[in-house]
Protein backbone atom coordinates (compact mmCIF):
# COMPACT_ATOMS: atom_id res chain seq x y z
CA MET A 1 81.14 73.82 145.09
CA THR A 2 82.25 73.60 141.50
CA SER A 3 81.02 70.48 139.72
CA THR A 4 83.71 68.20 138.41
CA ASP A 5 81.30 67.26 135.61
CA GLN A 6 81.73 70.63 133.87
CA PRO A 7 84.16 70.68 130.93
CA ALA A 8 87.49 72.16 131.98
CA ARG A 9 88.96 75.15 130.19
CA THR A 10 92.66 75.14 129.48
CA LEU A 11 94.77 76.78 132.16
CA THR A 12 97.13 79.34 130.63
CA ASN A 13 99.11 82.27 131.95
CA ARG A 14 98.90 85.87 130.77
CA ASN A 15 101.19 85.05 127.84
CA GLY A 16 98.90 82.28 126.64
CA ASP A 17 101.36 79.55 127.65
CA PRO A 18 100.47 76.64 129.96
CA LEU A 19 100.18 77.80 133.57
CA ARG A 20 103.24 76.76 135.62
CA VAL A 21 102.15 75.60 139.06
CA LEU A 22 103.90 74.20 142.13
CA VAL A 23 101.55 72.16 144.33
CA VAL A 24 102.96 71.60 147.82
CA GLY A 25 101.54 68.57 149.58
CA ALA A 26 100.89 66.65 146.38
CA SER A 27 101.62 63.15 147.64
CA SER A 28 98.03 62.42 148.73
CA GLY A 29 94.53 63.75 149.27
CA ILE A 30 93.57 67.20 148.04
CA GLY A 31 97.12 68.03 146.95
CA ALA A 32 97.38 64.95 144.72
CA SER A 33 93.90 65.54 143.30
CA THR A 34 94.78 69.17 142.61
CA ALA A 35 97.99 68.26 140.79
CA GLU A 36 96.08 65.77 138.63
CA ALA A 37 93.28 68.23 137.93
CA LEU A 38 95.71 70.96 136.88
CA VAL A 39 97.59 68.63 134.54
CA GLY A 40 94.25 67.59 133.07
CA ALA A 41 93.45 71.26 132.49
CA GLY A 42 96.65 71.81 130.52
CA ALA A 43 98.91 73.27 133.22
CA ARG A 44 102.54 72.34 133.75
CA VAL A 45 102.78 71.05 137.30
CA ALA A 46 105.46 70.23 139.87
CA GLY A 47 104.36 68.43 143.01
CA ALA A 48 106.30 68.73 146.25
CA ALA A 49 106.15 66.58 149.38
CA ARG A 50 108.37 64.54 151.69
CA ARG A 51 107.14 61.41 149.90
CA ALA A 52 108.25 62.49 146.43
CA ASP A 53 108.19 58.88 145.26
CA ARG A 54 104.40 58.93 145.50
CA ILE A 55 104.24 62.07 143.36
CA ALA A 56 106.21 60.23 140.67
CA GLU A 57 103.14 58.03 140.28
CA LEU A 58 101.06 61.03 139.12
CA ALA A 59 101.11 61.30 135.33
CA GLY A 60 102.60 64.55 134.03
CA VAL A 61 103.66 65.86 137.46
CA VAL A 62 107.32 66.69 138.18
CA PRO A 63 108.19 65.19 141.60
CA VAL A 64 110.07 67.41 144.05
CA MET A 65 111.13 66.48 147.59
CA CYS A 66 110.10 69.01 150.23
CA ASP A 67 109.85 69.00 154.01
CA VAL A 68 107.87 72.15 154.89
CA GLY A 69 109.35 72.14 158.38
CA LEU A 70 112.79 73.03 157.00
CA ALA A 71 113.20 76.49 155.45
CA ASP A 72 116.27 75.62 153.39
CA VAL A 73 114.55 72.53 151.97
CA CYS A 74 111.51 74.65 151.05
CA ALA A 75 113.77 77.07 149.20
CA GLN A 76 115.48 74.27 147.31
CA ALA A 77 112.14 72.69 146.38
CA VAL A 78 110.87 75.97 144.96
CA GLU A 79 114.05 76.45 142.92
CA THR A 80 113.90 72.89 141.61
CA ALA A 81 110.29 73.36 140.52
CA ALA A 82 110.99 76.74 138.90
CA VAL A 83 113.87 75.30 136.89
CA ALA A 84 111.83 72.29 135.80
CA LEU A 85 108.86 74.40 134.72
CA GLY A 86 110.77 77.37 133.36
CA GLY A 87 109.38 79.67 136.06
CA LEU A 88 106.33 79.77 138.30
CA ASP A 89 102.93 81.36 137.74
CA ALA A 90 101.29 79.95 140.86
CA VAL A 91 101.91 78.10 144.10
CA VAL A 92 99.21 76.00 145.75
CA TYR A 93 99.91 75.20 149.41
CA ALA A 94 97.87 72.07 150.20
CA THR A 95 99.94 70.67 153.06
CA GLY A 96 98.20 70.28 156.40
CA THR A 97 98.22 68.26 159.59
CA THR A 98 96.27 68.01 162.83
CA GLY A 99 95.77 65.96 165.92
CA LEU A 100 92.48 64.98 167.52
CA THR A 101 92.77 66.01 171.16
CA PRO A 102 90.93 68.24 173.62
CA LEU A 103 92.71 71.42 174.65
CA ASP A 104 93.56 70.21 178.14
CA THR A 105 95.65 67.35 176.72
CA THR A 106 97.14 69.15 173.69
CA GLY A 107 100.81 69.70 174.51
CA PRO A 108 103.37 72.12 173.07
CA GLU A 109 104.86 69.51 170.74
CA GLU A 110 101.53 69.07 168.97
CA TRP A 111 100.87 72.81 168.83
CA ASN A 112 104.33 73.36 167.33
CA LEU A 113 103.91 70.61 164.73
CA ILE A 114 100.52 71.88 163.62
CA PHE A 115 101.60 75.51 163.32
CA THR A 116 104.92 74.61 161.69
CA THR A 117 103.19 72.53 159.02
CA ASN A 118 100.10 74.66 158.42
CA VAL A 119 101.46 78.20 158.83
CA VAL A 120 105.25 78.44 159.01
CA GLY A 121 105.70 76.03 156.10
CA ALA A 122 103.32 78.13 154.00
CA ALA A 123 105.33 81.22 154.85
CA MET A 124 108.67 79.61 154.00
CA VAL A 125 107.44 78.24 150.66
CA THR A 126 105.93 81.61 149.81
CA ARG A 127 109.08 83.49 150.78
CA ALA A 128 111.13 81.32 148.46
CA ALA A 129 108.57 81.59 145.64
CA LEU A 130 108.09 85.37 145.74
CA PRO A 131 110.92 86.25 143.29
CA HIS A 132 109.42 83.82 140.75
CA LEU A 133 105.80 84.83 141.31
CA ARG A 134 106.69 88.52 140.95
CA ALA A 135 108.93 88.03 137.91
CA GLU A 136 107.95 89.62 134.62
CA GLY A 137 105.49 87.41 132.78
CA SER A 138 104.38 85.44 135.85
CA ASP A 139 100.70 85.37 136.81
CA GLY A 140 101.75 85.83 140.43
CA ARG A 141 99.12 83.63 142.08
CA ALA A 142 99.25 82.04 145.52
CA VAL A 143 96.54 79.65 146.74
CA PHE A 144 96.31 78.40 150.31
CA LEU A 145 94.03 75.68 151.64
CA SER A 146 92.30 76.81 154.78
CA SER A 147 89.34 75.21 156.58
CA ASP A 148 85.84 76.01 157.74
CA SER A 149 87.23 75.29 161.22
CA ALA A 150 89.17 78.57 161.03
CA VAL A 151 85.86 80.36 161.56
CA LYS A 152 84.26 77.84 163.93
CA PRO A 153 86.88 75.47 165.38
CA TYR A 154 85.63 71.93 165.82
CA PRO A 155 85.89 70.52 169.35
CA GLY A 156 88.95 68.28 169.42
CA LEU A 157 90.51 70.22 166.52
CA VAL A 158 91.00 73.61 168.16
CA ALA A 159 94.75 73.75 167.47
CA TYR A 160 94.07 72.98 163.81
CA GLY A 161 91.38 75.67 163.62
CA ALA A 162 93.69 78.18 165.27
CA SER A 163 96.43 77.40 162.74
CA LYS A 164 94.04 77.89 159.83
CA ALA A 165 92.88 81.21 161.28
CA ALA A 166 96.53 82.24 161.46
CA LEU A 167 96.97 81.14 157.84
CA GLY A 168 94.09 83.43 156.90
CA ALA A 169 95.84 86.35 158.59
CA PHE A 170 98.99 85.43 156.68
CA CYS A 171 97.05 85.58 153.40
CA LEU A 172 95.77 89.06 154.25
CA GLY A 173 99.25 90.22 155.17
CA LEU A 174 100.76 88.74 152.02
CA ALA A 175 98.26 90.58 149.83
CA SER A 176 98.81 93.76 151.81
CA GLU A 177 102.59 93.74 151.43
CA PHE A 178 102.65 92.52 147.83
CA GLY A 179 99.75 94.09 146.00
CA ASP A 180 100.88 92.66 142.68
CA LEU A 181 100.09 89.10 143.85
CA ARG A 182 96.69 87.45 143.49
CA VAL A 183 96.05 85.55 146.71
CA THR A 184 93.29 83.00 147.25
CA GLU A 185 92.29 81.36 150.53
CA VAL A 186 90.19 78.25 149.87
CA MET A 187 87.91 77.42 152.79
CA VAL A 188 87.62 73.63 152.72
CA GLY A 189 84.77 71.76 154.38
CA PRO A 190 84.81 68.10 155.49
CA THR A 191 86.61 65.97 152.90
CA VAL A 192 86.61 62.20 153.16
CA ASP A 193 89.44 60.83 151.01
CA THR A 194 92.49 62.41 152.62
CA GLU A 195 95.12 61.04 154.99
CA VAL A 196 94.83 63.85 157.53
CA GLY A 197 92.93 61.70 160.03
CA ASP A 198 94.59 58.36 159.37
CA HIS A 199 96.38 58.49 162.72
CA PHE A 200 93.22 59.24 164.74
CA ASP A 201 92.05 56.67 167.26
CA PRO A 202 88.87 55.20 165.67
CA ASP A 203 86.86 55.19 168.89
CA ALA A 204 87.85 58.75 169.75
CA PHE A 205 87.03 59.90 166.23
CA ALA A 206 83.60 58.24 166.39
CA ALA A 207 82.83 60.07 169.62
CA TRP A 208 84.02 63.43 168.31
CA PHE A 209 82.21 62.93 165.00
CA THR A 210 78.92 62.30 166.81
CA ARG A 211 79.41 65.55 168.70
CA TRP A 212 80.26 67.45 165.52
CA CYS A 213 77.05 66.26 163.89
CA ASP A 214 74.93 66.95 166.98
CA GLU A 215 76.31 70.47 167.36
CA GLY A 216 76.06 71.43 163.67
CA PHE A 217 79.74 71.44 162.72
CA VAL A 218 79.14 68.84 159.98
CA ARG A 219 76.16 70.27 158.12
CA TYR A 220 75.95 68.38 154.84
CA GLY A 221 78.25 65.37 155.15
CA TYR A 222 81.54 64.94 153.31
CA GLN A 223 82.95 65.73 149.86
CA LEU A 224 85.81 64.25 147.83
CA SER A 225 89.24 65.74 147.29
CA ALA A 226 88.46 65.95 143.56
CA ASP A 227 85.65 68.39 144.39
CA VAL A 228 88.09 70.66 146.20
CA ALA A 229 90.60 70.31 143.37
CA ALA A 230 87.95 71.55 140.94
CA VAL A 231 87.44 74.69 143.06
CA ILE A 232 91.19 75.32 143.14
CA ALA A 233 91.48 74.89 139.37
CA GLU A 234 88.62 77.34 138.88
CA THR A 235 90.32 79.97 141.05
CA LEU A 236 93.36 79.72 138.79
CA ARG A 237 91.17 80.38 135.74
CA THR A 238 89.44 83.39 137.21
CA GLU A 239 90.60 86.98 137.16
CA GLN A 240 90.38 88.65 140.56
CA PRO A 241 90.97 92.06 142.16
CA ASP A 242 94.16 92.87 144.04
CA ALA A 243 92.97 91.40 147.35
CA VAL A 244 92.49 88.07 149.05
CA VAL A 245 89.70 86.03 147.49
CA MET A 246 87.99 83.46 149.70
CA ALA A 247 86.70 80.48 147.72
CA ALA A 248 84.36 77.99 149.36
CA ALA A 249 84.86 74.26 148.91
CA GLU A 250 82.33 72.32 150.96
CA PRO A 251 79.70 69.60 150.46
CA ALA A 252 76.54 70.76 148.76
CA PRO A 253 73.28 70.69 150.77
């Protein structure tokens, strides 16, 4: 995990200008922290979410309305951000959702919502952003927030883990088809200050959390969204080979 106490270096593109970044899912949690961190590092940032009014509260971030479940709205959001920033060097897809249910009670509606938000939305945003990311002068970076549950799905969060595993396959395919892009999959561990679990039943969550701890899914406790944002900012500073880079963002031992 990258320490947020280290002095930040200015984020610039290959031309030496401020990096132009669209953060999708910037209305709360890791997305909001990432947008703030990137602005603090000198980037020009647009933040997209359904609750664009909340993004307007983030200093220096251009608010853009986006519902990742609607392909045409994703396309419009990308175009709005590109116009506002004068192009795009990077897209950070931080949107995510999940339920907290065992497999035998997880219905098709919940599966569809989770995969639409976590995988299809990422694909639709990326599809719309590709002409900008591959334009001359763009840094051509795409960052996607995955989860440690993609490798070892937590009980009660199997649909979420499956969606994040699918997102990882999407990252590999994206890099395979478009070798000029620099793709990063950030594997995020337990993070406490997000809204992902706000709709969980408290008693059910307490029971599942006890099981997660007992069975070794939660190894070191929880981190803050600012810690993950620091990892994302660092990936945008770092040169990388033409392949998917997996960056770890999890609580330190």
